[in-house]
All heavy atoms as atom14 arrays in JSON, in Angstrom:
{
  "sequence": "AKSLVELPSPYAGVVGELLAAEGTTVEVGTPIITFLTEPAAGAPAAP",
  "atom14_mask": [
    [1, 1, 1, 1, 1, 0, 0, 0, 0, 0, 0, 0, 0, 0],
    [1, 1, 1, 1, 1, 1, 1, 1, 1, 0, 0, 0, 0, 0],
    [1, 1, 1, 1, 1, 1, 0, 0, 0, 0, 0, 0, 0, 0],
    [1, 1, 1, 1, 1, 1, 1, 1, 0, 0, 0, 0, 0, 0],
    [1, 1, 1, 1, 1, 1, 1, 0, 0, 0, 0, 0, 0, 0],
    [1, 1, 1, 1, 1, 1, 1, 1, 1, 0, 0, 0, 0, 0],
    [1, 1, 1, 1, 1, 1, 1, 1, 0, 0, 0, 0, 0, 0],
    [1, 1, 1, 1, 1, 1, 1, 0, 0, 0, 0, 0, 0, 0],
    [1, 1, 1, 1, 1, 1, 0, 0, 0, 0, 0, 0, 0, 0],
    [1, 1, 1, 1, 1, 1, 1, 0, 0, 0, 0, 0, 0, 0],
    [1, 1, 1, 1, 1, 1, 1, 1, 1, 1, 1, 1, 0, 0],
    [1, 1, 1, 1, 1, 0, 0, 0, 0, 0, 0, 0, 0, 0],
    [1, 1, 1, 1, 0, 0, 0, 0, 0, 0, 0, 0, 0, 0],
    [1, 1, 1, 1, 1, 1, 1, 0, 0, 0, 0, 0, 0, 0],
    [1, 1, 1, 1, 1, 1, 1, 0, 0, 0, 0, 0, 0, 0],
    [1, 1, 1, 1, 0, 0, 0, 0, 0, 0, 0, 0, 0, 0],
    [1, 1, 1, 1, 1, 1, 1, 1, 1, 0, 0, 0, 0, 0],
    [1, 1, 1, 1, 1, 1, 1, 1, 0, 0, 0, 0, 0, 0],
    [1, 1, 1, 1, 1, 1, 1, 1, 0, 0, 0, 0, 0, 0],
    [1, 1, 1, 1, 1, 0, 0, 0, 0, 0, 0, 0, 0, 0],
    [1, 1, 1, 1, 1, 0, 0, 0, 0, 0, 0, 0, 0, 0],
    [1, 1, 1, 1, 1, 1, 1, 1, 1, 0, 0, 0, 0, 0],
    [1, 1, 1, 1, 0, 0, 0, 0, 0, 0, 0, 0, 0, 0],
    [1, 1, 1, 1, 1, 1, 1, 0, 0, 0, 0, 0, 0, 0],
    [1, 1, 1, 1, 1, 1, 1, 0, 0, 0, 0, 0, 0, 0],
    [1, 1, 1, 1, 1, 1, 1, 0, 0, 0, 0, 0, 0, 0],
    [1, 1, 1, 1, 1, 1, 1, 1, 1, 0, 0, 0, 0, 0],
    [1, 1, 1, 1, 1, 1, 1, 0, 0, 0, 0, 0, 0, 0],
    [1, 1, 1, 1, 0, 0, 0, 0, 0, 0, 0, 0, 0, 0],
    [1, 1, 1, 1, 1, 1, 1, 0, 0, 0, 0, 0, 0, 0],
    [1, 1, 1, 1, 1, 1, 1, 0, 0, 0, 0, 0, 0, 0],
    [1, 1, 1, 1, 1, 1, 1, 1, 0, 0, 0, 0, 0, 0],
    [1, 1, 1, 1, 1, 1, 1, 1, 0, 0, 0, 0, 0, 0],
    [1, 1, 1, 1, 1, 1, 1, 0, 0, 0, 0, 0, 0, 0],
    [1, 1, 1, 1, 1, 1, 1, 1, 1, 1, 1, 0, 0, 0],
    [1, 1, 1, 1, 1, 1, 1, 1, 0, 0, 0, 0, 0, 0],
    [1, 1, 1, 1, 1, 1, 1, 0, 0, 0, 0, 0, 0, 0],
    [1, 1, 1, 1, 1, 1, 1, 1, 1, 0, 0, 0, 0, 0],
    [1, 1, 1, 1, 1, 1, 1, 0, 0, 0, 0, 0, 0, 0],
    [1, 1, 1, 1, 1, 0, 0, 0, 0, 0, 0, 0, 0, 0],
    [1, 1, 1, 1, 1, 0, 0, 0, 0, 0, 0, 0, 0, 0],
    [1, 1, 1, 1, 0, 0, 0, 0, 0, 0, 0, 0, 0, 0],
    [1, 1, 1, 1, 1, 0, 0, 0, 0, 0, 0, 0, 0, 0],
    [1, 1, 1, 1, 1, 1, 1, 0, 0, 0, 0, 0, 0, 0],
    [1, 1, 1, 1, 1, 0, 0, 0, 0, 0, 0, 0, 0, 0],
    [1, 1, 1, 1, 1, 0, 0, 0, 0, 0, 0, 0, 0, 0],
    [1, 1, 1, 1, 1, 1, 1, 0, 0, 0, 0, 0, 0, 0]
  ],
  "atom14_positions": [
    [[5.34, -6.18, -14.83], [6.1, -7.29, -15.45], [7.11, -6.76, -16.44], [7.93, -7.57, -16.9], [5.13, -8.23, -16.14], [0.0, 0.0, 0.0], [0.0, 0.0, 0.0], [0.0, 0.0, 0.0], [0.0, 0.0, 0.0], [0.0, 0.0, 0.0], [0.0, 0.0, 0.0], [0.0, 0.0, 0.0], [0.0, 0.0, 0.0], [0.0, 0.0, 0.0]],
    [[7.06, -5.43, -16.78], [7.97, -4.95, -17.77], [8.86, -3.85, -17.34], [9.94, -3.66, -17.88], [7.13, -4.49, -19.01], [6.39, -5.58, -19.69], [5.73, -5.12, -20.97], [5.05, -6.27, -21.74], [4.4, -5.87, -22.97], [0.0, 0.0, 0.0], [0.0, 0.0, 0.0], [0.0, 0.0, 0.0], [0.0, 0.0, 0.0], [0.0, 0.0, 0.0]],
    [[8.44, -3.05, -16.38], [9.32, -1.94, -16.02], [8.92, -1.28, -14.71], [7.89, -1.61, -14.15], [9.25, -0.81, -17.13], [7.93, -0.35, -17.19], [0.0, 0.0, 0.0], [0.0, 0.0, 0.0], [0.0, 0.0, 0.0], [0.0, 0.0, 0.0], [0.0, 0.0, 0.0], [0.0, 0.0, 0.0], [0.0, 0.0, 0.0], [0.0, 0.0, 0.0]],
    [[9.8, -0.39, -14.23], [9.43, 0.44, -13.05], [8.72, 1.66, -13.57], [9.07, 2.28, -14.59], [10.7, 0.83, -12.33], [11.42, -0.16, -11.52], [12.67, 0.38, -10.94], [10.55, -0.72, -10.4], [0.0, 0.0, 0.0], [0.0, 0.0, 0.0], [0.0, 0.0, 0.0], [0.0, 0.0, 0.0], [0.0, 0.0, 0.0], [0.0, 0.0, 0.0]],
    [[7.63, 2.06, -12.89], [6.84, 3.18, -13.33], [6.58, 4.06, -12.12], [6.24, 3.58, -11.01], [5.48, 2.73, -13.92], [4.61, 3.91, -14.27], [5.73, 1.85, -15.12], [0.0, 0.0, 0.0], [0.0, 0.0, 0.0], [0.0, 0.0, 0.0], [0.0, 0.0, 0.0], [0.0, 0.0, 0.0], [0.0, 0.0, 0.0], [0.0, 0.0, 0.0]],
    [[6.78, 5.37, -12.26], [6.47, 6.31, -11.26], [5.0, 6.75, -11.4], [4.57, 7.17, -12.49], [7.39, 7.54, -11.34], [8.8, 7.23, -11.0], [9.72, 8.48, -11.11], [9.32, 9.4, -11.81], [10.77, 8.48, -10.45], [0.0, 0.0, 0.0], [0.0, 0.0, 0.0], [0.0, 0.0, 0.0], [0.0, 0.0, 0.0], [0.0, 0.0, 0.0]],
    [[4.24, 6.66, -10.33], [2.81, 7.08, -10.35], [2.67, 8.51, -9.86], [3.09, 8.82, -8.74], [1.92, 6.17, -9.49], [1.75, 4.71, -9.94], [0.79, 4.01, -9.04], [1.3, 4.66, -11.4], [0.0, 0.0, 0.0], [0.0, 0.0, 0.0], [0.0, 0.0, 0.0], [0.0, 0.0, 0.0], [0.0, 0.0, 0.0], [0.0, 0.0, 0.0]],
    [[2.08, 9.34, -10.68], [1.88, 10.78, -10.27], [0.55, 10.89, -9.48], [-0.39, 10.1, -9.63], [1.77, 11.53, -11.6], [1.2, 10.53, -12.56], [1.73, 9.17, -12.08], [0.0, 0.0, 0.0], [0.0, 0.0, 0.0], [0.0, 0.0, 0.0], [0.0, 0.0, 0.0], [0.0, 0.0, 0.0], [0.0, 0.0, 0.0], [0.0, 0.0, 0.0]],
    [[0.53, 11.91, -8.58], [-0.69, 12.12, -7.84], [-1.78, 12.69, -8.73], [-1.56, 13.61, -9.5], [-0.4, 13.11, -6.7], [-1.59, 13.48, -6.07], [0.0, 0.0, 0.0], [0.0, 0.0, 0.0], [0.0, 0.0, 0.0], [0.0, 0.0, 0.0], [0.0, 0.0, 0.0], [0.0, 0.0, 0.0], [0.0, 0.0, 0.0], [0.0, 0.0, 0.0]],
    [[-3.0, 12.13, -8.64], [-4.11, 12.61, -9.38], [-4.81, 13.82, -8.67], [-5.77, 14.39, -9.18], [-5.05, 11.45, -9.53], [-4.83, 10.71, -8.29], [-3.39, 10.87, -7.93], [0.0, 0.0, 0.0], [0.0, 0.0, 0.0], [0.0, 0.0, 0.0], [0.0, 0.0, 0.0], [0.0, 0.0, 0.0], [0.0, 0.0, 0.0], [0.0, 0.0, 0.0]],
    [[-4.37, 14.11, -7.43], [-5.06, 15.1, -6.61], [-4.07, 16.07, -6.01], [-2.86, 15.75, -5.89], [-5.82, 14.51, -5.43], [-6.91, 13.55, -5.83], [-6.68, 12.19, -5.79], [-8.19, 13.99, -6.2], [-7.67, 11.28, -6.15], [-9.18, 13.12, -6.6], [-8.91, 11.76, -6.59], [-9.91, 10.89, -6.95], [0.0, 0.0, 0.0], [0.0, 0.0, 0.0]],
    [[-4.55, 17.27, -5.76], [-3.73, 18.22, -4.94], [-4.38, 18.22, -3.57], [-5.6, 18.35, -3.41], [-3.82, 19.6, -5.56], [0.0, 0.0, 0.0], [0.0, 0.0, 0.0], [0.0, 0.0, 0.0], [0.0, 0.0, 0.0], [0.0, 0.0, 0.0], [0.0, 0.0, 0.0], [0.0, 0.0, 0.0], [0.0, 0.0, 0.0], [0.0, 0.0, 0.0]],
    [[-3.53, 18.02, -2.56], [-4.06, 18.0, -1.16], [-3.0, 17.41, -0.18], [-1.83, 17.54, -0.43], [0.0, 0.0, 0.0], [0.0, 0.0, 0.0], [0.0, 0.0, 0.0], [0.0, 0.0, 0.0], [0.0, 0.0, 0.0], [0.0, 0.0, 0.0], [0.0, 0.0, 0.0], [0.0, 0.0, 0.0], [0.0, 0.0, 0.0], [0.0, 0.0, 0.0]],
    [[-3.56, 16.75, 0.77], [-2.68, 16.13, 1.85], [-2.82, 14.58, 1.8], [-3.91, 14.13, 1.67], [-3.09, 16.69, 3.25], [-2.29, 16.02, 4.33], [-2.9, 18.17, 3.28], [0.0, 0.0, 0.0], [0.0, 0.0, 0.0], [0.0, 0.0, 0.0], [0.0, 0.0, 0.0], [0.0, 0.0, 0.0], [0.0, 0.0, 0.0], [0.0, 0.0, 0.0]],
    [[-1.7, 13.96, 1.87], [-1.75, 12.46, 1.92], [-2.4, 11.99, 3.19], [-2.04, 12.37, 4.29], [-0.28, 11.91, 1.84], [-0.32, 10.37, 1.96], [0.34, 12.31, 0.5], [0.0, 0.0, 0.0], [0.0, 0.0, 0.0], [0.0, 0.0, 0.0], [0.0, 0.0, 0.0], [0.0, 0.0, 0.0], [0.0, 0.0, 0.0], [0.0, 0.0, 0.0]],
    [[-3.41, 11.11, 3.03], [-4.16, 10.59, 4.18], [-3.47, 9.26, 4.64], [-2.73, 9.27, 5.58], [0.0, 0.0, 0.0], [0.0, 0.0, 0.0], [0.0, 0.0, 0.0], [0.0, 0.0, 0.0], [0.0, 0.0, 0.0], [0.0, 0.0, 0.0], [0.0, 0.0, 0.0], [0.0, 0.0, 0.0], [0.0, 0.0, 0.0], [0.0, 0.0, 0.0]],
    [[-3.77, 8.18, 3.94], [-3.3, 6.87, 4.41], [-2.71, 6.12, 3.22], [-3.2, 6.14, 2.09], [-4.49, 6.1, 5.01], [-4.14, 4.7, 5.51], [-5.35, 3.95, 6.08], [-6.44, 4.54, 6.01], [-5.2, 2.86, 6.55], [0.0, 0.0, 0.0], [0.0, 0.0, 0.0], [0.0, 0.0, 0.0], [0.0, 0.0, 0.0], [0.0, 0.0, 0.0]],
    [[-1.58, 5.41, 3.48], [-1.03, 4.46, 2.5], [-1.7, 3.1, 2.72], [-1.54, 2.47, 3.75], [0.48, 4.38, 2.66], [1.26, 5.71, 2.71], [2.79, 5.44, 2.79], [0.95, 6.52, 1.46], [0.0, 0.0, 0.0], [0.0, 0.0, 0.0], [0.0, 0.0, 0.0], [0.0, 0.0, 0.0], [0.0, 0.0, 0.0], [0.0, 0.0, 0.0]],
    [[-2.39, 2.64, 1.7], [-3.26, 1.43, 1.83], [-2.51, 0.16, 1.44], [-3.12, -0.92, 1.61], [-4.56, 1.64, 1.01], [-5.35, 2.82, 1.38], [-6.59, 2.91, 0.39], [-5.81, 2.79, 2.81], [0.0, 0.0, 0.0], [0.0, 0.0, 0.0], [0.0, 0.0, 0.0], [0.0, 0.0, 0.0], [0.0, 0.0, 0.0], [0.0, 0.0, 0.0]],
    [[-1.33, 0.25, 0.9], [-0.58, -0.92, 0.48], [0.87, -0.8, 0.89], [1.48, 0.27, 0.65], [-0.67, -1.13, -1.06], [0.0, 0.0, 0.0], [0.0, 0.0, 0.0], [0.0, 0.0, 0.0], [0.0, 0.0, 0.0], [0.0, 0.0, 0.0], [0.0, 0.0, 0.0], [0.0, 0.0, 0.0], [0.0, 0.0, 0.0], [0.0, 0.0, 0.0]],
    [[1.4, -1.78, 1.51], [2.75, -1.77, 2.02], [3.74, -2.0, 0.86], [3.43, -2.62, -0.15], [2.96, -2.82, 3.08], [0.0, 0.0, 0.0], [0.0, 0.0, 0.0], [0.0, 0.0, 0.0], [0.0, 0.0, 0.0], [0.0, 0.0, 0.0], [0.0, 0.0, 0.0], [0.0, 0.0, 0.0], [0.0, 0.0, 0.0], [0.0, 0.0, 0.0]],
    [[4.98, -1.46, 1.04], [6.06, -1.7, 0.04], [6.33, -3.17, -0.03], [6.31, -3.92, 0.92], [7.32, -0.96, 0.41], [7.16, 0.59, 0.3], [8.45, 1.28, 0.67], [9.39, 0.6, 1.13], [8.53, 2.48, 0.51], [0.0, 0.0, 0.0], [0.0, 0.0, 0.0], [0.0, 0.0, 0.0], [0.0, 0.0, 0.0], [0.0, 0.0, 0.0]],
    [[6.48, -3.66, -1.25], [6.78, -5.1, -1.43], [5.55, -5.95, -1.72], [5.68, -7.11, -2.01], [0.0, 0.0, 0.0], [0.0, 0.0, 0.0], [0.0, 0.0, 0.0], [0.0, 0.0, 0.0], [0.0, 0.0, 0.0], [0.0, 0.0, 0.0], [0.0, 0.0, 0.0], [0.0, 0.0, 0.0], [0.0, 0.0, 0.0], [0.0, 0.0, 0.0]],
    [[4.38, -5.35, -1.56], [3.14, -6.14, -1.81], [2.64, -5.95, -3.25], [2.88, -4.92, -3.91], [2.03, -5.74, -0.89], [1.74, -4.3, -1.03], [2.37, -5.92, 0.57], [0.0, 0.0, 0.0], [0.0, 0.0, 0.0], [0.0, 0.0, 0.0], [0.0, 0.0, 0.0], [0.0, 0.0, 0.0], [0.0, 0.0, 0.0], [0.0, 0.0, 0.0]],
    [[2.06, -6.99, -3.77], [1.47, -6.97, -5.17], [-0.02, -6.73, -5.07], [-0.69, -7.45, -4.3], [1.78, -8.29, -5.87], [3.2, -8.46, -5.99], [1.18, -8.27, -7.27], [0.0, 0.0, 0.0], [0.0, 0.0, 0.0], [0.0, 0.0, 0.0], [0.0, 0.0, 0.0], [0.0, 0.0, 0.0], [0.0, 0.0, 0.0], [0.0, 0.0, 0.0]],
    [[-0.51, -5.74, -5.79], [-1.9, -5.39, -5.77], [-2.49, -5.42, -7.17], [-1.7, -5.26, -8.16], [-2.16, -4.0, -5.13], [-1.71, -3.98, -3.71], [-1.39, -2.88, -5.95], [0.0, 0.0, 0.0], [0.0, 0.0, 0.0], [0.0, 0.0, 0.0], [0.0, 0.0, 0.0], [0.0, 0.0, 0.0], [0.0, 0.0, 0.0], [0.0, 0.0, 0.0]],
    [[-3.76, -5.66, -7.27], [-4.42, -5.75, -8.6], [-4.81, -4.35, -9.08], [-5.07, -3.41, -8.21], [-5.67, -6.63, -8.51], [-5.39, -8.09, -8.2], [-6.62, -8.94, -8.18], [-7.71, -8.37, -8.32], [-6.49, -10.16, -8.07], [0.0, 0.0, 0.0], [0.0, 0.0, 0.0], [0.0, 0.0, 0.0], [0.0, 0.0, 0.0], [0.0, 0.0, 0.0]],
    [[-4.83, -4.17, -10.36], [-5.29, -2.94, -10.93], [-6.74, -2.62, -10.41], [-7.58, -3.49, -10.43], [-5.26, -3.0, -12.49], [-6.01, -1.82, -13.09], [-3.86, -3.04, -12.98], [0.0, 0.0, 0.0], [0.0, 0.0, 0.0], [0.0, 0.0, 0.0], [0.0, 0.0, 0.0], [0.0, 0.0, 0.0], [0.0, 0.0, 0.0], [0.0, 0.0, 0.0]],
    [[-6.98, -1.4, -10.05], [-8.28, -0.97, -9.55], [-8.37, -1.02, -8.05], [-9.4, -0.62, -7.45], [0.0, 0.0, 0.0], [0.0, 0.0, 0.0], [0.0, 0.0, 0.0], [0.0, 0.0, 0.0], [0.0, 0.0, 0.0], [0.0, 0.0, 0.0], [0.0, 0.0, 0.0], [0.0, 0.0, 0.0], [0.0, 0.0, 0.0], [0.0, 0.0, 0.0]],
    [[-7.3, -1.53, -7.33], [-7.32, -1.59, -5.87], [-6.87, -0.23, -5.28], [-5.9, 0.31, -5.71], [-6.35, -2.67, -5.43], [-6.76, -3.95, -5.94], [-6.34, -2.76, -3.88], [0.0, 0.0, 0.0], [0.0, 0.0, 0.0], [0.0, 0.0, 0.0], [0.0, 0.0, 0.0], [0.0, 0.0, 0.0], [0.0, 0.0, 0.0], [0.0, 0.0, 0.0]],
    [[-7.61, 0.32, -4.31], [-7.16, 1.54, -3.68], [-5.79, 1.35, -3.04], [-5.57, 0.38, -2.27], [-8.22, 1.84, -2.64], [-9.45, 1.11, -3.16], [-8.91, -0.16, -3.83], [0.0, 0.0, 0.0], [0.0, 0.0, 0.0], [0.0, 0.0, 0.0], [0.0, 0.0, 0.0], [0.0, 0.0, 0.0], [0.0, 0.0, 0.0], [0.0, 0.0, 0.0]],
    [[-4.88, 2.31, -3.28], [-3.55, 2.21, -2.69], [-3.14, 3.4, -1.82], [-2.24, 3.28, -0.99], [-2.48, 2.06, -3.8], [-2.47, 3.26, -4.79], [-2.64, 0.72, -4.56], [-1.35, 3.21, -5.78], [0.0, 0.0, 0.0], [0.0, 0.0, 0.0], [0.0, 0.0, 0.0], [0.0, 0.0, 0.0], [0.0, 0.0, 0.0], [0.0, 0.0, 0.0]],
    [[-3.93, 4.53, -1.92], [-3.58, 5.69, -1.13], [-4.82, 6.58, -1.08], [-5.65, 6.58, -2.01], [-2.36, 6.46, -1.74], [-1.95, 7.61, -0.84], [-2.69, 6.92, -3.16], [-0.66, 8.34, -1.36], [0.0, 0.0, 0.0], [0.0, 0.0, 0.0], [0.0, 0.0, 0.0], [0.0, 0.0, 0.0], [0.0, 0.0, 0.0], [0.0, 0.0, 0.0]],
    [[-4.93, 7.33, 0.02], [-6.04, 8.28, 0.12], [-5.47, 9.71, 0.24], [-4.36, 9.91, 0.69], [-6.94, 8.03, 1.39], [-6.14, 8.21, 2.57], [-7.47, 6.61, 1.37], [0.0, 0.0, 0.0], [0.0, 0.0, 0.0], [0.0, 0.0, 0.0], [0.0, 0.0, 0.0], [0.0, 0.0, 0.0], [0.0, 0.0, 0.0], [0.0, 0.0, 0.0]],
    [[-6.28, 10.66, -0.23], [-5.87, 12.03, -0.16], [-7.0, 12.86, 0.48], [-8.2, 12.56, 0.32], [-5.67, 12.64, -1.58], [-4.55, 12.0, -2.36], [-4.78, 10.94, -3.15], [-3.28, 12.49, -2.22], [-3.76, 10.31, -3.89], [-2.24, 11.91, -2.9], [-2.47, 10.84, -3.74], [0.0, 0.0, 0.0], [0.0, 0.0, 0.0], [0.0, 0.0, 0.0]],
    [[-6.64, 13.88, 1.28], [-7.57, 14.86, 1.84], [-7.49, 16.08, 0.95], [-6.46, 16.74, 0.83], [-7.19, 15.14, 3.3], [-7.11, 13.97, 4.22], [-6.66, 14.41, 5.61], [-8.46, 13.24, 4.31], [0.0, 0.0, 0.0], [0.0, 0.0, 0.0], [0.0, 0.0, 0.0], [0.0, 0.0, 0.0], [0.0, 0.0, 0.0], [0.0, 0.0, 0.0]],
    [[-8.64, 16.41, 0.32], [-8.65, 17.53, -0.62], [-9.71, 18.53, -0.19], [-10.67, 18.27, 0.49], [-9.01, 17.05, -2.01], [-10.3, 16.44, -2.07], [-7.95, 15.98, -2.47], [0.0, 0.0, 0.0], [0.0, 0.0, 0.0], [0.0, 0.0, 0.0], [0.0, 0.0, 0.0], [0.0, 0.0, 0.0], [0.0, 0.0, 0.0], [0.0, 0.0, 0.0]],
    [[-9.46, 19.79, -0.69], [-10.42, 20.86, -0.43], [-11.31, 21.02, -1.66], [-10.82, 21.02, -2.78], [-9.67, 22.2, -0.22], [-8.89, 22.27, 1.07], [-9.9, 22.56, 2.28], [-11.05, 22.72, 2.02], [-9.37, 22.59, 3.41], [0.0, 0.0, 0.0], [0.0, 0.0, 0.0], [0.0, 0.0, 0.0], [0.0, 0.0, 0.0], [0.0, 0.0, 0.0]],
    [[-12.64, 21.06, -1.5], [-13.57, 21.26, -2.58], [-13.27, 22.61, -3.25], [-12.89, 23.55, -2.59], [-14.96, 21.21, -1.99], [-14.77, 20.51, -0.67], [-13.41, 20.87, -0.22], [0.0, 0.0, 0.0], [0.0, 0.0, 0.0], [0.0, 0.0, 0.0], [0.0, 0.0, 0.0], [0.0, 0.0, 0.0], [0.0, 0.0, 0.0], [0.0, 0.0, 0.0]],
    [[-13.43, 22.61, -4.59], [-13.24, 23.93, -5.3], [-14.3, 24.89, -4.81], [-15.4, 24.54, -4.36], [-13.37, 23.66, -6.84], [0.0, 0.0, 0.0], [0.0, 0.0, 0.0], [0.0, 0.0, 0.0], [0.0, 0.0, 0.0], [0.0, 0.0, 0.0], [0.0, 0.0, 0.0], [0.0, 0.0, 0.0], [0.0, 0.0, 0.0], [0.0, 0.0, 0.0]],
    [[-13.99, 26.18, -4.91], [-14.91, 27.22, -4.41], [-16.27, 27.06, -5.09], [-16.37, 27.05, -6.31], [-14.31, 28.63, -4.71], [0.0, 0.0, 0.0], [0.0, 0.0, 0.0], [0.0, 0.0, 0.0], [0.0, 0.0, 0.0], [0.0, 0.0, 0.0], [0.0, 0.0, 0.0], [0.0, 0.0, 0.0], [0.0, 0.0, 0.0], [0.0, 0.0, 0.0]],
    [[-17.31, 27.0, -4.31], [-18.68, 26.89, -4.8], [-19.08, 25.53, -5.26], [-20.14, 25.32, -5.76], [0.0, 0.0, 0.0], [0.0, 0.0, 0.0], [0.0, 0.0, 0.0], [0.0, 0.0, 0.0], [0.0, 0.0, 0.0], [0.0, 0.0, 0.0], [0.0, 0.0, 0.0], [0.0, 0.0, 0.0], [0.0, 0.0, 0.0], [0.0, 0.0, 0.0]],
    [[-18.15, 24.55, -5.13], [-18.45, 23.18, -5.58], [-18.59, 22.3, -4.38], [-18.0, 22.43, -3.39], [-17.27, 22.72, -6.49], [0.0, 0.0, 0.0], [0.0, 0.0, 0.0], [0.0, 0.0, 0.0], [0.0, 0.0, 0.0], [0.0, 0.0, 0.0], [0.0, 0.0, 0.0], [0.0, 0.0, 0.0], [0.0, 0.0, 0.0], [0.0, 0.0, 0.0]],
    [[-19.58, 21.36, -4.47], [-19.86, 20.5, -3.34], [-18.88, 19.37, -3.2], [-18.85, 18.72, -2.17], [-21.28, 19.93, -3.7], [-21.28, 19.93, -5.21], [-20.5, 21.18, -5.61], [0.0, 0.0, 0.0], [0.0, 0.0, 0.0], [0.0, 0.0, 0.0], [0.0, 0.0, 0.0], [0.0, 0.0, 0.0], [0.0, 0.0, 0.0], [0.0, 0.0, 0.0]],
    [[-18.07, 19.04, -4.23], [-17.17, 17.92, -4.13], [-15.8, 18.31, -4.62], [-15.65, 19.35, -5.25], [-17.72, 16.78, -4.95], [0.0, 0.0, 0.0], [0.0, 0.0, 0.0], [0.0, 0.0, 0.0], [0.0, 0.0, 0.0], [0.0, 0.0, 0.0], [0.0, 0.0, 0.0], [0.0, 0.0, 0.0], [0.0, 0.0, 0.0], [0.0, 0.0, 0.0]],
    [[-14.85, 17.45, -4.35], [-13.46, 17.74, -4.75], [-13.37, 17.64, -6.3], [-14.2, 17.01, -6.91], [-12.55, 16.67, -4.17], [0.0, 0.0, 0.0], [0.0, 0.0, 0.0], [0.0, 0.0, 0.0], [0.0, 0.0, 0.0], [0.0, 0.0, 0.0], [0.0, 0.0, 0.0], [0.0, 0.0, 0.0], [0.0, 0.0, 0.0], [0.0, 0.0, 0.0]],
    [[-12.39, 18.33, -6.87], [-12.26, 18.31, -8.32], [-11.97, 16.92, -8.86], [-11.44, 16.06, -8.13], [-11.1, 19.29, -8.6], [-10.41, 19.38, -7.31], [-11.38, 19.19, -6.23], [0.0, 0.0, 0.0], [0.0, 0.0, 0.0], [0.0, 0.0, 0.0], [0.0, 0.0, 0.0], [0.0, 0.0, 0.0], [0.0, 0.0, 0.0], [0.0, 0.0, 0.0]]
  ]
}
């Protein structure tokens, strides 16, 4: 409601799926994109 904001990626990896189309309004907390990430060495899950 106040400005345009660029969202930075919180992950390093490959873009999986875009979950919201351009022009749609979504609520805070709604998934909007997925990433495919590699787990850190020796770690069971992504960083």
